[in-house]
Amino acid sequence: MATMGKYCKAYSLKKLREFTQWTECAENTRKEKKKVSGREVEINRELRDNDFLYLQENYVVTDGIFKDENIIFENVTPEWQEFCHKTLAFEIPVYETAQVQASTNQNKSNS
C-alpha cells in the first residue's frame, strides 16, 4: 500500500534538472493508458521539462504524491539538500499543535 508523507511540494522537471548531479529513473514514471494496434495498453509516461514531479519530505522525488511509489530521483546527498533549500526554496513547514482551551463560562459551569 502506498505511503502518503506529511509534506511534499510540486516542482517543474525543468527546475529539478538544474541540479548538476540530477539523474532520472524514467522506468519508474506513472503508467498511462494508450491504444496500440487497437488494444489498450499501459506504458510509462515520457517526462518533459514542463511536467511536475513531487519533492518529498525525505528529499526523494516522485511522479505522484506518494513518497514510496514512482520514485524518479533518490540520490539524497548534502549537495542535493542544499540545492533544494537554496535554489528551490524547499522548506518543510513546522506545524504547531493548537491548544484548545475551554471558555471562561464553560469552566464556571463545571465548578
N, C-alpha and C. Protein backbone atom coordinates (compact mmCIF):
# COMPACT_ATOMS: atom_id res chain seq x y z
N MET A 1 0.84 -1.17 0.00
CA MET A 1 0.00 0.00 0.00
C MET A 1 0.89 1.24 0.00
N ALA A 2 0.52 2.22 -0.79
CA ALA A 2 1.29 3.45 -0.92
C ALA A 2 1.27 4.24 0.38
N THR A 3 2.39 4.91 0.64
CA THR A 3 2.51 5.71 1.86
C THR A 3 2.46 7.18 1.51
N MET A 4 1.55 7.89 2.16
CA MET A 4 1.43 9.33 1.98
C MET A 4 2.30 9.99 3.04
N GLY A 5 3.21 10.85 2.61
CA GLY A 5 4.05 11.57 3.56
C GLY A 5 3.28 12.71 4.20
N LYS A 6 3.94 13.41 5.08
CA LYS A 6 3.32 14.56 5.73
C LYS A 6 3.42 15.82 4.88
N TYR A 7 4.42 15.85 3.97
CA TYR A 7 4.61 17.05 3.16
C TYR A 7 5.34 16.71 1.87
N CYS A 8 4.87 17.29 0.78
CA CYS A 8 5.59 17.25 -0.49
C CYS A 8 5.23 18.52 -1.26
N LYS A 9 6.07 18.87 -2.21
CA LYS A 9 5.84 20.08 -2.99
C LYS A 9 6.16 19.80 -4.45
N ALA A 10 5.32 20.28 -5.35
CA ALA A 10 5.49 20.05 -6.78
C ALA A 10 6.46 21.06 -7.38
N TYR A 11 7.34 20.57 -8.25
CA TYR A 11 8.28 21.41 -8.99
C TYR A 11 8.30 20.95 -10.43
N SER A 12 8.55 21.90 -11.33
CA SER A 12 8.68 21.51 -12.74
C SER A 12 9.96 20.71 -12.91
N LEU A 13 9.91 19.76 -13.80
CA LEU A 13 11.07 18.94 -14.07
C LEU A 13 12.23 19.80 -14.59
N LYS A 14 11.91 20.83 -15.33
CA LYS A 14 12.94 21.74 -15.83
C LYS A 14 13.76 22.31 -14.67
N LYS A 15 13.09 22.72 -13.61
CA LYS A 15 13.78 23.29 -12.45
C LYS A 15 14.62 22.21 -11.74
N LEU A 16 14.08 21.02 -11.58
CA LEU A 16 14.81 19.93 -10.92
C LEU A 16 16.05 19.54 -11.72
N ARG A 17 15.95 19.58 -13.03
CA ARG A 17 17.07 19.21 -13.89
C ARG A 17 18.24 20.20 -13.82
N GLU A 18 18.05 21.33 -13.16
CA GLU A 18 19.14 22.29 -12.97
C GLU A 18 20.20 21.76 -12.00
N PHE A 19 19.85 20.79 -11.19
CA PHE A 19 20.81 20.19 -10.27
C PHE A 19 21.86 19.43 -11.08
N THR A 20 23.13 19.75 -10.87
CA THR A 20 24.20 19.20 -11.71
C THR A 20 24.32 17.68 -11.62
N GLN A 21 23.90 17.08 -10.50
CA GLN A 21 24.00 15.63 -10.35
C GLN A 21 22.66 14.93 -10.53
N TRP A 22 21.74 15.60 -11.21
CA TRP A 22 20.39 15.04 -11.42
C TRP A 22 20.46 13.81 -12.32
N THR A 23 19.77 12.76 -11.92
CA THR A 23 19.57 11.56 -12.74
C THR A 23 18.11 11.17 -12.61
N GLU A 24 17.60 10.48 -13.61
CA GLU A 24 16.19 10.09 -13.60
C GLU A 24 16.04 8.60 -13.80
N CYS A 25 15.17 8.01 -13.02
CA CYS A 25 14.76 6.62 -13.22
C CYS A 25 13.46 6.66 -14.01
N ALA A 26 13.58 6.88 -15.31
CA ALA A 26 12.41 7.05 -16.17
C ALA A 26 11.50 5.82 -16.18
N GLU A 27 12.07 4.66 -15.87
CA GLU A 27 11.25 3.44 -15.84
C GLU A 27 10.27 3.44 -14.67
N ASN A 28 10.41 4.39 -13.74
CA ASN A 28 9.52 4.47 -12.58
C ASN A 28 8.39 5.48 -12.75
N THR A 29 8.25 6.06 -13.93
CA THR A 29 7.18 7.04 -14.12
C THR A 29 5.82 6.35 -14.02
N ARG A 30 4.81 7.19 -13.78
CA ARG A 30 3.44 6.66 -13.73
C ARG A 30 3.07 6.06 -15.09
N LYS A 31 2.16 5.12 -15.04
CA LYS A 31 1.69 4.47 -16.27
C LYS A 31 0.57 5.30 -16.88
N GLU A 32 0.55 5.29 -18.22
CA GLU A 32 -0.53 5.94 -18.97
C GLU A 32 -1.15 4.90 -19.88
N LYS A 33 -2.44 5.01 -20.08
CA LYS A 33 -3.13 4.11 -20.99
C LYS A 33 -3.05 4.69 -22.40
N LYS A 34 -2.73 3.79 -23.35
CA LYS A 34 -2.58 4.21 -24.73
C LYS A 34 -3.09 3.09 -25.63
N LYS A 35 -3.65 3.48 -26.77
CA LYS A 35 -4.12 2.48 -27.73
C LYS A 35 -2.98 2.14 -28.69
N VAL A 36 -2.67 0.86 -28.76
CA VAL A 36 -1.65 0.37 -29.68
C VAL A 36 -2.25 -0.79 -30.45
N SER A 37 -2.30 -0.65 -31.75
CA SER A 37 -2.89 -1.68 -32.63
C SER A 37 -4.30 -2.06 -32.19
N GLY A 38 -5.07 -1.05 -31.78
CA GLY A 38 -6.45 -1.29 -31.38
C GLY A 38 -6.63 -1.82 -29.96
N ARG A 39 -5.54 -2.07 -29.27
CA ARG A 39 -5.62 -2.56 -27.89
C ARG A 39 -5.17 -1.48 -26.93
N GLU A 40 -5.79 -1.46 -25.77
CA GLU A 40 -5.40 -0.50 -24.75
C GLU A 40 -4.29 -1.12 -23.90
N VAL A 41 -3.15 -0.43 -23.83
CA VAL A 41 -2.01 -0.91 -23.05
C VAL A 41 -1.55 0.20 -22.12
N GLU A 42 -0.84 -0.20 -21.07
CA GLU A 42 -0.27 0.77 -20.15
C GLU A 42 1.22 0.90 -20.45
N ILE A 43 1.66 2.13 -20.60
CA ILE A 43 3.07 2.40 -20.84
C ILE A 43 3.54 3.48 -19.86
N ASN A 44 4.84 3.53 -19.63
CA ASN A 44 5.38 4.59 -18.79
C ASN A 44 5.29 5.91 -19.55
N ARG A 45 4.87 6.95 -18.84
CA ARG A 45 4.77 8.25 -19.49
C ARG A 45 6.17 8.82 -19.70
N GLU A 46 6.30 9.63 -20.74
CA GLU A 46 7.57 10.30 -21.04
C GLU A 46 7.65 11.57 -20.24
N LEU A 47 8.79 11.81 -19.62
CA LEU A 47 8.98 13.03 -18.84
C LEU A 47 9.45 14.16 -19.73
N ARG A 48 8.80 15.31 -19.57
CA ARG A 48 9.16 16.52 -20.32
C ARG A 48 9.44 17.64 -19.32
N ASP A 49 10.18 18.65 -19.77
CA ASP A 49 10.54 19.77 -18.89
C ASP A 49 9.36 20.42 -18.19
N ASN A 50 8.21 20.48 -18.85
CA ASN A 50 7.06 21.16 -18.24
C ASN A 50 6.21 20.25 -17.35
N ASP A 51 6.62 19.00 -17.17
CA ASP A 51 5.93 18.10 -16.24
C ASP A 51 6.29 18.47 -14.80
N PHE A 52 5.41 18.15 -13.89
CA PHE A 52 5.66 18.40 -12.47
C PHE A 52 5.90 17.09 -11.74
N LEU A 53 6.91 17.11 -10.88
CA LEU A 53 7.22 15.99 -10.00
C LEU A 53 7.14 16.49 -8.57
N TYR A 54 7.15 15.57 -7.62
CA TYR A 54 6.96 15.93 -6.22
C TYR A 54 8.22 15.68 -5.40
N LEU A 55 8.69 16.74 -4.77
CA LEU A 55 9.80 16.64 -3.83
C LEU A 55 9.20 16.31 -2.48
N GLN A 56 9.58 15.16 -1.95
CA GLN A 56 9.00 14.66 -0.70
C GLN A 56 9.79 15.18 0.51
N GLU A 57 9.22 15.01 1.68
CA GLU A 57 9.85 15.45 2.93
C GLU A 57 11.20 14.78 3.16
N ASN A 58 11.44 13.62 2.56
CA ASN A 58 12.71 12.91 2.72
C ASN A 58 13.67 13.20 1.56
N TYR A 59 13.33 14.21 0.74
CA TYR A 59 14.14 14.70 -0.39
C TYR A 59 14.17 13.76 -1.58
N VAL A 60 13.35 12.76 -1.59
CA VAL A 60 13.18 11.89 -2.75
C VAL A 60 12.17 12.56 -3.68
N VAL A 61 12.36 12.41 -4.99
CA VAL A 61 11.45 12.99 -5.97
C VAL A 61 10.62 11.88 -6.60
N THR A 62 9.30 12.09 -6.63
CA THR A 62 8.39 11.07 -7.13
C THR A 62 7.48 11.63 -8.23
N ASP A 63 6.95 10.74 -9.02
CA ASP A 63 5.98 11.08 -10.05
C ASP A 63 4.59 10.79 -9.49
N GLY A 64 4.21 11.55 -8.51
CA GLY A 64 2.94 11.37 -7.81
C GLY A 64 3.13 11.77 -6.36
N ILE A 65 2.03 11.82 -5.63
CA ILE A 65 2.08 12.34 -4.26
C ILE A 65 2.54 11.34 -3.21
N PHE A 66 2.61 10.07 -3.55
CA PHE A 66 3.02 9.07 -2.57
C PHE A 66 4.54 9.00 -2.50
N LYS A 67 5.09 8.94 -1.28
CA LYS A 67 6.54 9.03 -1.13
C LYS A 67 7.29 7.73 -1.41
N ASP A 68 6.58 6.64 -1.60
CA ASP A 68 7.26 5.36 -1.85
C ASP A 68 6.84 4.71 -3.17
N GLU A 69 6.25 5.49 -4.06
CA GLU A 69 5.86 4.98 -5.38
C GLU A 69 6.38 5.90 -6.47
N ASN A 70 6.67 5.34 -7.63
CA ASN A 70 7.10 6.10 -8.79
C ASN A 70 8.28 7.03 -8.46
N ILE A 71 9.30 6.44 -7.84
CA ILE A 71 10.48 7.22 -7.43
C ILE A 71 11.34 7.51 -8.66
N ILE A 72 11.54 8.80 -8.91
CA ILE A 72 12.30 9.24 -10.07
C ILE A 72 13.74 9.58 -9.68
N PHE A 73 13.93 10.14 -8.50
CA PHE A 73 15.27 10.53 -8.04
C PHE A 73 15.37 10.24 -6.55
N GLU A 74 16.42 9.51 -6.16
CA GLU A 74 16.58 9.19 -4.74
C GLU A 74 18.02 9.30 -4.26
N ASN A 75 18.84 10.01 -5.00
CA ASN A 75 20.24 10.19 -4.63
C ASN A 75 20.35 11.39 -3.67
N VAL A 76 19.89 11.18 -2.45
CA VAL A 76 19.83 12.26 -1.45
C VAL A 76 21.22 12.45 -0.85
N THR A 77 21.82 13.57 -1.20
CA THR A 77 23.15 13.93 -0.71
C THR A 77 23.07 15.30 -0.06
N PRO A 78 24.10 15.70 0.68
CA PRO A 78 24.11 17.06 1.22
C PRO A 78 24.01 18.12 0.11
N GLU A 79 24.61 17.86 -1.07
CA GLU A 79 24.53 18.80 -2.19
C GLU A 79 23.09 18.93 -2.70
N TRP A 80 22.40 17.80 -2.78
CA TRP A 80 21.00 17.82 -3.22
C TRP A 80 20.15 18.58 -2.21
N GLN A 81 20.35 18.34 -0.94
CA GLN A 81 19.57 19.04 0.08
C GLN A 81 19.85 20.54 0.03
N GLU A 82 21.10 20.91 -0.19
CA GLU A 82 21.44 22.34 -0.30
C GLU A 82 20.75 22.96 -1.52
N PHE A 83 20.76 22.24 -2.66
CA PHE A 83 20.07 22.71 -3.86
C PHE A 83 18.58 22.90 -3.57
N CYS A 84 17.99 21.95 -2.86
CA CYS A 84 16.56 22.03 -2.53
C CYS A 84 16.27 23.28 -1.70
N HIS A 85 17.12 23.55 -0.73
CA HIS A 85 16.89 24.70 0.15
C HIS A 85 17.21 26.03 -0.54
N LYS A 86 18.36 26.10 -1.19
CA LYS A 86 18.81 27.37 -1.75
C LYS A 86 18.17 27.71 -3.10
N THR A 87 18.11 26.75 -3.99
CA THR A 87 17.61 27.01 -5.34
C THR A 87 16.09 26.85 -5.41
N LEU A 88 15.58 25.78 -4.81
CA LEU A 88 14.14 25.52 -4.89
C LEU A 88 13.35 26.16 -3.75
N ALA A 89 14.05 26.69 -2.75
CA ALA A 89 13.40 27.28 -1.57
C ALA A 89 12.46 26.28 -0.90
N PHE A 90 12.91 25.03 -0.84
CA PHE A 90 12.12 23.96 -0.24
C PHE A 90 12.32 23.98 1.27
N GLU A 91 11.26 24.17 1.99
CA GLU A 91 11.29 24.15 3.44
C GLU A 91 10.07 23.38 3.92
N ILE A 92 10.31 22.45 4.81
CA ILE A 92 9.22 21.68 5.38
C ILE A 92 8.61 22.50 6.49
N PRO A 93 7.32 22.81 6.39
CA PRO A 93 6.70 23.64 7.43
C PRO A 93 6.65 22.93 8.77
N VAL A 94 6.73 23.71 9.82
CA VAL A 94 6.60 23.18 11.17
C VAL A 94 5.19 23.49 11.61
N TYR A 95 4.44 22.45 11.84
CA TYR A 95 3.06 22.63 12.27
C TYR A 95 2.99 22.50 13.78
N GLU A 96 2.59 23.56 14.42
CA GLU A 96 2.44 23.52 15.87
C GLU A 96 1.01 23.11 16.18
N THR A 97 0.88 22.26 17.17
CA THR A 97 -0.47 21.85 17.55
C THR A 97 -1.13 22.97 18.33
N ALA A 98 -2.36 23.21 18.03
CA ALA A 98 -3.11 24.27 18.70
C ALA A 98 -3.62 23.75 20.04
N GLN A 99 -3.49 24.57 21.03
CA GLN A 99 -4.02 24.24 22.34
C GLN A 99 -5.44 24.78 22.42
N VAL A 100 -6.38 23.91 22.62
CA VAL A 100 -7.77 24.31 22.73
C VAL A 100 -8.09 24.50 24.20
N GLN A 101 -8.52 25.70 24.54
CA GLN A 101 -8.86 25.98 25.93
C GLN A 101 -10.35 26.22 26.04
N ALA A 102 -10.91 25.71 27.11
CA ALA A 102 -12.34 25.91 27.35
C ALA A 102 -12.58 27.37 27.67
N SER A 103 -13.74 27.86 27.27
CA SER A 103 -14.07 29.26 27.55
C SER A 103 -14.29 29.45 29.04
N THR A 104 -14.19 30.69 29.50
CA THR A 104 -14.34 31.01 30.91
C THR A 104 -15.72 30.60 31.42
N ASN A 105 -16.75 30.83 30.63
CA ASN A 105 -18.11 30.47 31.05
C ASN A 105 -18.25 28.96 31.21
N GLN A 106 -17.65 28.19 30.34
CA GLN A 106 -17.75 26.74 30.43
C GLN A 106 -17.04 26.24 31.69
N ASN A 107 -15.91 26.82 32.01
CA ASN A 107 -15.18 26.44 33.22
C ASN A 107 -16.00 26.72 34.47
N LYS A 108 -16.70 27.87 34.51
CA LYS A 108 -17.51 28.24 35.68
C LYS A 108 -18.68 27.28 35.86
N SER A 109 -19.28 26.83 34.75
CA SER A 109 -20.43 25.94 34.86
C SER A 109 -20.03 24.54 35.32
N ASN A 110 -18.77 24.16 35.12
CA ASN A 110 -18.30 22.85 35.53
C ASN A 110 -17.88 22.83 36.99
N SER A 111 -17.82 24.00 37.65
CA SER A 111 -17.36 24.07 39.05
C SER A 111 -18.41 23.65 40.02
